[in-house]
């Protein structure tokens, strides 16, 4: 896939996006999702975030960059 993108757009920069935390770590913000479920879902988001970052770093010579949405979602995770 990366080769196809570079064939069509050789100067393109590809941004791999990370994952935001879905729930606040400090506030109980939802009655639909238990505290233990919130921890699991946030841990999964952090895991996927780290894997995306690793993938982007391993491909950085191919104009692949990593972008994290964490800062944009700060304070917005209170679902």
C-alpha atoms as a PDB file:
ATOM      1  CA  UNK A   1       0.000   0.000   0.000  1.00  0.00           C
ATOM      2  CA  UNK A   2       2.769   2.458   0.906  1.00  0.00           C
ATOM      3  CA  UNK A   3       4.449   1.823  -2.432  1.00  0.00           C
ATOM      4  CA  UNK A   4       1.200   2.603  -4.248  1.00  0.00           C
ATOM      5  CA  UNK A   5       0.800   5.882  -2.404  1.00  0.00           C
ATOM      6  CA  UNK A   6       4.357   6.922  -3.194  1.00  0.00           C
ATOM      7  CA  UNK A   7       3.913   5.930  -6.837  1.00  0.00           C
ATOM      8  CA  UNK A   8       0.869   8.189  -7.141  1.00  0.00           C
ATOM      9  CA  UNK A   9       2.172  10.989  -4.909  1.00  0.00           C
ATOM     10  CA  UNK A  10       5.951  10.687  -4.472  1.00  0.00           C
ATOM     11  CA  UNK A  11       6.222  13.802  -2.302  1.00  0.00           C
ATOM     12  CA  UNK A  12       3.264  13.002  -0.059  1.00  0.00           C
ATOM     13  CA  UNK A  13       3.624  12.779   3.689  1.00  0.00           C
ATOM     14  CA  UNK A  14       1.467  10.120   5.293  1.00  0.00           C
ATOM     15  CA  UNK A  15       0.194  10.795   8.795  1.00  0.00           C
ATOM     16  CA  UNK A  16      -0.722   7.866  11.003  1.00  0.00           C
ATOM     17  CA  UNK A  17      -3.124   8.973  13.689  1.00  0.00           C
ATOM     18  CA  UNK A  18      -3.043   7.707  17.239  1.00  0.00           C
ATOM     19  CA  UNK A  19      -5.961   7.109  19.544  1.00  0.00           C
ATOM     20  CA  UNK A  20      -7.424   9.422  22.198  1.00  0.00           C
ATOM     21  CA  UNK A  21      -8.398   8.293  25.668  1.00  0.00           C
ATOM     22  CA  UNK A  22     -12.151   7.868  25.695  1.00  0.00           C
ATOM     23  CA  UNK A  23     -12.739   8.340  29.419  1.00  0.00           C
ATOM     24  CA  UNK A  24     -11.388  10.526  32.178  1.00  0.00           C
ATOM     25  CA  UNK A  25      -8.909   8.782  34.455  1.00  0.00           C
ATOM     26  CA  UNK A  26      -9.928  10.962  37.398  1.00  0.00           C
ATOM     27  CA  UNK A  27     -13.706  11.343  37.155  1.00  0.00           C
ATOM     28  CA  UNK A  28     -16.537   8.858  37.110  1.00  0.00           C
ATOM     29  CA  UNK A  29     -18.293  10.233  34.084  1.00  0.00           C
ATOM     30  CA  UNK A  30     -20.603   7.532  32.834  1.00  0.00           C
ATOM     31  CA  UNK A  31     -23.135   5.201  34.372  1.00  0.00           C
ATOM     32  CA  UNK A  32     -23.192   3.079  31.208  1.00  0.00           C
ATOM     33  CA  UNK A  33     -19.553   2.003  31.515  1.00  0.00           C
ATOM     34  CA  UNK A  34     -18.136   0.716  34.789  1.00  0.00           C
ATOM     35  CA  UNK A  35     -14.887   2.004  36.284  1.00  0.00           C
ATOM     36  CA  UNK A  36     -13.069  -1.223  35.383  1.00  0.00           C
ATOM     37  CA  UNK A  37     -14.377  -1.048  31.808  1.00  0.00           C
ATOM     38  CA  UNK A  38     -13.171   2.557  31.500  1.00  0.00           C
ATOM     39  CA  UNK A  39      -9.693   1.479  32.599  1.00  0.00           C
ATOM     40  CA  UNK A  40      -9.668  -1.363  30.063  1.00  0.00           C
ATOM     41  CA  UNK A  41     -10.846   0.877  27.212  1.00  0.00           C
ATOM     42  CA  UNK A  42      -8.309   3.596  28.038  1.00  0.00           C
ATOM     43  CA  UNK A  43      -5.538   0.988  28.314  1.00  0.00           C
ATOM     44  CA  UNK A  44      -6.517  -0.327  24.881  1.00  0.00           C
ATOM     45  CA  UNK A  45      -6.416   3.192  23.433  1.00  0.00           C
ATOM     46  CA  UNK A  46      -2.933   3.701  24.888  1.00  0.00           C
ATOM     47  CA  UNK A  47      -1.793   0.353  23.472  1.00  0.00           C
ATOM     48  CA  UNK A  48      -3.048   1.222  19.975  1.00  0.00           C
ATOM     49  CA  UNK A  49      -1.546   4.698  20.310  1.00  0.00           C
ATOM     50  CA  UNK A  50       1.891   3.210  21.038  1.00  0.00           C
ATOM     51  CA  UNK A  51       1.619   0.711  18.162  1.00  0.00           C
ATOM     52  CA  UNK A  52       0.728   3.468  15.687  1.00  0.00           C
ATOM     53  CA  UNK A  53       3.683   5.518  16.944  1.00  0.00           C
ATOM     54  CA  UNK A  54       6.045   2.533  16.570  1.00  0.00           C
ATOM     55  CA  UNK A  55       4.774   1.840  13.064  1.00  0.00           C
ATOM     56  CA  UNK A  56       5.237   5.453  11.988  1.00  0.00           C
ATOM     57  CA  UNK A  57       8.757   5.579  13.449  1.00  0.00           C
ATOM     58  CA  UNK A  58       9.706   2.368  11.667  1.00  0.00           C
ATOM     59  CA  UNK A  59       8.547   3.916   8.372  1.00  0.00           C
ATOM     60  CA  UNK A  60       9.848   7.459   8.888  1.00  0.00           C
ATOM     61  CA  UNK A  61      12.249   7.203   5.964  1.00  0.00           C
ATOM     62  CA  UNK A  62       9.189   6.784   3.738  1.00  0.00           C
ATOM     63  CA  UNK A  63       7.670  10.173   4.698  1.00  0.00           C
ATOM     64  CA  UNK A  64       5.387   8.578   7.274  1.00  0.00           C
ATOM     65  CA  UNK A  65       4.749  10.683  10.358  1.00  0.00           C
ATOM     66  CA  UNK A  66       2.903  10.053  13.574  1.00  0.00           C
ATOM     67  CA  UNK A  67       0.199  12.401  14.863  1.00  0.00           C
ATOM     68  CA  UNK A  68      -1.384  12.047  18.272  1.00  0.00           C
ATOM     69  CA  UNK A  69      -4.877  13.362  18.953  1.00  0.00           C
ATOM     70  CA  UNK A  70      -4.306  13.242  22.730  1.00  0.00           C
ATOM     71  CA  UNK A  71      -3.835  16.993  23.205  1.00  0.00           C
ATOM     72  CA  UNK A  72      -6.939  17.830  21.155  1.00  0.00           C
ATOM     73  CA  UNK A  73      -9.043  15.510  23.307  1.00  0.00           C
ATOM     74  CA  UNK A  74      -7.687  16.630  26.690  1.00  0.00           C
ATOM     75  CA  UNK A  75     -10.572  17.621  28.911  1.00  0.00           C
ATOM     76  CA  UNK A  76     -13.062  16.167  26.419  1.00  0.00           C
ATOM     77  CA  UNK A  77     -12.897  12.549  27.609  1.00  0.00           C
ATOM     78  CA  UNK A  78     -15.788  12.898  30.015  1.00  0.00           C
ATOM     79  CA  UNK A  79     -18.416  10.840  28.253  1.00  0.00           C
END
